[in-house]
Amino acid sequence: MSEAQSVVAESAARSRTRRAIIDAAVVTLTQNSSASLGDVAAAANVGRTTVHRYFPERSDLLKAISSDALEKIDVSTRRAKVDEGTAPEAMRRLCQEYFEFGDVFMLMFTVPEMLDDEMWGEESESDRALLGLVHRGQAEGTIDSELDALWFQQLVWSLQYTAWEMTRMHGIPKHDALGMCLRTLDKIIKP
């Protein structure tokens, strides 16, 4: 193996380890918001020192999870193709995409210090896309124009949270929870 191949292999291994730690942290912290880095290490099947090498402090890990969540939101928003079809159709697609990342987003609601990061205070491309979608729907008469676009943005997140919570806490199958989320959304956005 050449030196360049060795560096690439090491970089890939580091990326996999980092990903495993972040994924384990999401699951662990969603189940127990006060879980320690040691608990995360055990869930990731790595040593505590390995976790500390990647994330020296809990805040570093939360920042990495936040960054990962924002990236997932952006990818989901692009996949939803919010500029295609009617606004309600696009809104449904967007909710379906967001629903796939329930554990990550649930963590945002259960670990308040995650939202303290300045990343969450900035309006993202995804925020602008969702708000633009609402404005488009209001202009085309398919979304209630009496309600503010920011209200709809918060509504989408609230519906997602409720669907995830019903799945997690009450054992509602994901398919059913998503169906109820979309049905509620359809009823709420009508003009």
Protein backbone atom coordinates (compact mmCIF):
# COMPACT_ATOMS: atom_id res chain seq x y z
CA MET A 1 0.00 0.00 0.00
CA SER A 2 1.39 3.38 -0.97
CA GLU A 3 1.65 6.24 1.49
CA ALA A 4 -1.21 8.06 -0.28
CA GLN A 5 -3.43 4.96 -0.03
CA SER A 6 -2.54 4.60 3.63
CA VAL A 7 -3.54 8.22 4.32
CA VAL A 8 -6.85 7.71 2.47
CA ALA A 9 -7.56 4.50 4.38
CA GLU A 10 -6.79 6.20 7.71
CA SER A 11 -9.00 9.14 6.79
CA ALA A 12 -11.85 6.78 5.86
CA ALA A 13 -11.46 4.92 9.15
CA ARG A 14 -11.53 8.19 11.09
CA SER A 15 -14.68 9.26 9.23
CA ARG A 16 -16.38 5.94 10.02
CA THR A 17 -15.43 6.19 13.70
CA ARG A 18 -16.63 9.78 13.90
CA ARG A 19 -19.90 8.82 12.20
CA ALA A 20 -20.36 5.86 14.59
CA ILE A 21 -19.84 8.14 17.61
CA ILE A 22 -22.30 10.76 16.32
CA ASP A 23 -24.93 8.12 15.47
CA ALA A 24 -24.51 6.41 18.84
CA ALA A 25 -24.72 9.78 20.61
CA VAL A 26 -28.01 10.60 18.90
CA VAL A 27 -29.58 7.32 19.98
CA THR A 28 -28.08 7.41 23.48
CA LEU A 29 -28.90 11.05 24.21
CA THR A 30 -32.41 10.72 22.80
CA GLN A 31 -33.03 7.88 25.26
CA ASN A 32 -31.25 9.64 28.15
CA SER A 33 -30.47 13.33 27.72
CA SER A 34 -28.01 13.26 30.62
CA ALA A 35 -25.98 10.33 29.25
CA SER A 36 -22.23 10.71 29.67
CA LEU A 37 -19.54 10.53 27.01
CA GLY A 38 -18.73 7.13 28.49
CA ASP A 39 -22.29 6.00 27.74
CA VAL A 40 -21.88 7.24 24.18
CA ALA A 41 -18.56 5.42 23.87
CA ALA A 42 -20.15 2.16 25.01
CA ALA A 43 -23.00 2.57 22.52
CA ALA A 44 -20.51 3.29 19.71
CA ASN A 45 -18.37 0.29 20.69
CA VAL A 46 -15.30 2.45 21.14
CA GLY A 47 -13.25 3.42 24.16
CA ARG A 48 -13.97 6.55 26.14
CA THR A 49 -10.56 7.94 25.15
CA THR A 50 -11.53 7.52 21.50
CA VAL A 51 -14.64 9.62 22.03
CA HIS A 52 -12.56 12.25 23.84
CA ARG A 53 -10.05 12.30 21.00
CA TYR A 54 -12.84 13.21 18.55
CA PHE A 55 -14.95 15.27 20.95
CA PRO A 56 -13.00 16.50 24.00
CA GLU A 57 -16.12 17.94 25.67
CA ARG A 58 -19.82 17.16 25.57
CA SER A 59 -20.35 20.56 23.94
CA ASP A 60 -18.06 19.52 21.07
CA LEU A 61 -20.16 16.42 20.48
CA LEU A 62 -23.40 18.42 20.60
CA LYS A 63 -21.96 20.91 18.12
CA ALA A 64 -21.05 18.05 15.76
CA ILE A 65 -24.57 16.61 16.10
CA SER A 66 -26.04 20.06 15.39
CA SER A 67 -23.90 20.46 12.30
CA ASP A 68 -24.88 16.97 11.13
CA ALA A 69 -28.58 17.70 11.77
CA LEU A 70 -28.44 20.94 9.79
CA GLU A 71 -26.76 19.11 6.93
CA LYS A 72 -29.50 16.44 7.02
CA ILE A 73 -32.17 19.14 6.98
CA ASP A 74 -30.54 20.72 3.92
CA VAL A 75 -30.27 17.37 2.11
CA SER A 76 -33.88 16.54 2.98
CA THR A 77 -35.08 19.91 1.76
CA ARG A 78 -33.30 19.46 -1.58
CA ARG A 79 -34.66 15.91 -1.96
CA ALA A 80 -38.20 17.16 -1.32
CA LYS A 81 -37.98 19.33 -4.46
CA VAL A 82 -40.03 22.08 -2.86
CA ASP A 83 -40.20 24.03 -6.14
CA GLU A 84 -42.11 21.24 -7.92
CA GLY A 85 -45.86 20.66 -7.87
CA THR A 86 -48.33 22.55 -5.72
CA ALA A 87 -47.23 23.98 -2.40
CA PRO A 88 -49.28 21.44 -0.37
CA GLU A 89 -47.72 18.56 -2.35
CA ALA A 90 -44.25 19.97 -1.76
CA MET A 91 -45.03 20.52 1.93
CA ARG A 92 -46.07 16.86 2.24
CA ARG A 93 -42.85 15.71 0.56
CA LEU A 94 -40.84 17.92 2.88
CA CYS A 95 -42.52 16.46 5.97
CA GLN A 96 -41.91 12.93 4.66
CA GLU A 97 -38.23 13.70 4.17
CA TYR A 98 -37.87 15.28 7.62
CA PHE A 99 -39.64 12.37 9.25
CA GLU A 100 -36.80 10.03 8.25
CA PHE A 101 -34.49 11.77 10.73
CA GLY A 102 -36.75 11.53 13.76
CA ASP A 103 -34.06 10.58 16.28
CA VAL A 104 -31.82 13.47 15.29
CA PHE A 105 -34.60 16.02 15.44
CA MET A 106 -36.09 14.54 18.60
CA LEU A 107 -32.71 15.15 20.23
CA MET A 108 -32.99 18.86 19.38
CA PHE A 109 -36.13 19.02 21.48
CA THR A 110 -34.91 16.84 24.38
CA VAL A 111 -31.41 18.32 24.82
CA PRO A 112 -32.03 22.07 25.05
CA GLU A 113 -28.33 23.00 25.04
CA MET A 114 -28.15 21.78 21.42
CA LEU A 115 -30.25 24.72 20.31
CA ASP A 116 -27.99 27.15 22.21
CA ASP A 117 -25.43 26.83 19.42
CA GLU A 118 -25.31 29.90 17.19
CA MET A 119 -25.79 27.61 14.15
CA TRP A 120 -29.47 27.31 15.03
CA GLY A 121 -29.97 31.07 15.21
CA GLU A 122 -29.00 31.68 11.61
CA GLU A 123 -31.60 31.43 8.87
CA SER A 124 -30.53 28.55 6.66
CA GLU A 125 -31.16 27.76 3.02
CA SER A 126 -33.72 25.20 4.23
CA ASP A 127 -35.49 27.83 6.33
CA ARG A 128 -35.69 30.09 3.30
CA ALA A 129 -36.96 27.22 1.13
CA LEU A 130 -39.73 26.34 3.59
CA LEU A 131 -40.77 29.97 4.06
CA GLY A 132 -40.68 30.48 0.29
CA LEU A 133 -42.86 27.40 -0.12
CA VAL A 134 -45.42 28.84 2.28
CA HIS A 135 -45.40 32.20 0.48
CA ARG A 136 -45.81 30.44 -2.88
CA GLY A 137 -48.75 28.43 -1.53
CA GLN A 138 -50.35 31.56 -0.13
CA ALA A 139 -49.92 33.33 -3.48
CA GLU A 140 -51.42 30.40 -5.40
CA GLY A 141 -54.28 30.13 -2.88
CA THR A 142 -53.44 26.62 -1.65
CA ILE A 143 -52.16 27.62 1.80
CA ASP A 144 -54.07 29.79 4.27
CA SER A 145 -52.87 33.36 3.76
CA GLU A 146 -54.29 34.48 7.11
CA LEU A 147 -51.45 32.75 8.96
CA ASP A 148 -47.84 33.93 9.03
CA ALA A 149 -45.17 31.92 7.19
CA LEU A 150 -43.09 31.64 10.39
CA TRP A 151 -46.16 30.16 12.08
CA PHE A 152 -46.25 27.45 9.40
CA GLN A 153 -42.54 26.80 9.82
CA GLN A 154 -43.03 26.20 13.55
CA LEU A 155 -46.13 24.16 12.78
CA VAL A 156 -44.16 21.79 10.56
CA TRP A 157 -41.61 21.19 13.33
CA SER A 158 -44.36 20.78 15.94
CA LEU A 159 -46.18 18.21 13.82
CA GLN A 160 -42.93 16.34 13.26
CA TYR A 161 -42.20 16.34 16.98
CA THR A 162 -45.68 15.05 17.77
CA ALA A 163 -45.38 12.25 15.21
CA TRP A 164 -41.94 11.21 16.50
CA GLU A 165 -43.14 11.35 20.10
CA MET A 166 -46.16 9.18 19.29
CA THR A 167 -43.82 6.61 17.75
CA ARG A 168 -41.24 6.73 20.51
CA MET A 169 -43.41 7.01 23.59
CA HIS A 170 -46.65 5.37 22.54
CA GLY A 171 -45.50 2.70 20.12
CA ILE A 172 -47.50 4.05 17.18
CA PRO A 173 -45.99 2.53 14.00
CA LYS A 174 -43.93 5.09 12.09
CA HIS A 175 -46.09 4.74 8.99
CA ASP A 176 -49.23 5.55 11.01
CA ALA A 177 -47.60 8.47 12.82
CA LEU A 178 -46.40 9.95 9.54
CA GLY A 179 -49.87 9.46 8.05
CA MET A 180 -51.49 11.33 10.93
CA CYS A 181 -48.87 14.08 10.64
CA LEU A 182 -49.57 14.54 6.93
CA ARG A 183 -53.35 14.38 7.38
CA THR A 184 -53.17 17.05 10.09
CA LEU A 185 -50.91 19.19 7.91
CA ASP A 186 -53.38 18.93 5.01
CA LYS A 187 -56.23 20.10 7.20
CA ILE A 188 -54.31 22.95 8.79
CA ILE A 189 -52.85 24.56 5.70
CA LYS A 190 -56.11 24.74 3.73
CA PRO A 191 -57.23 28.28 2.99
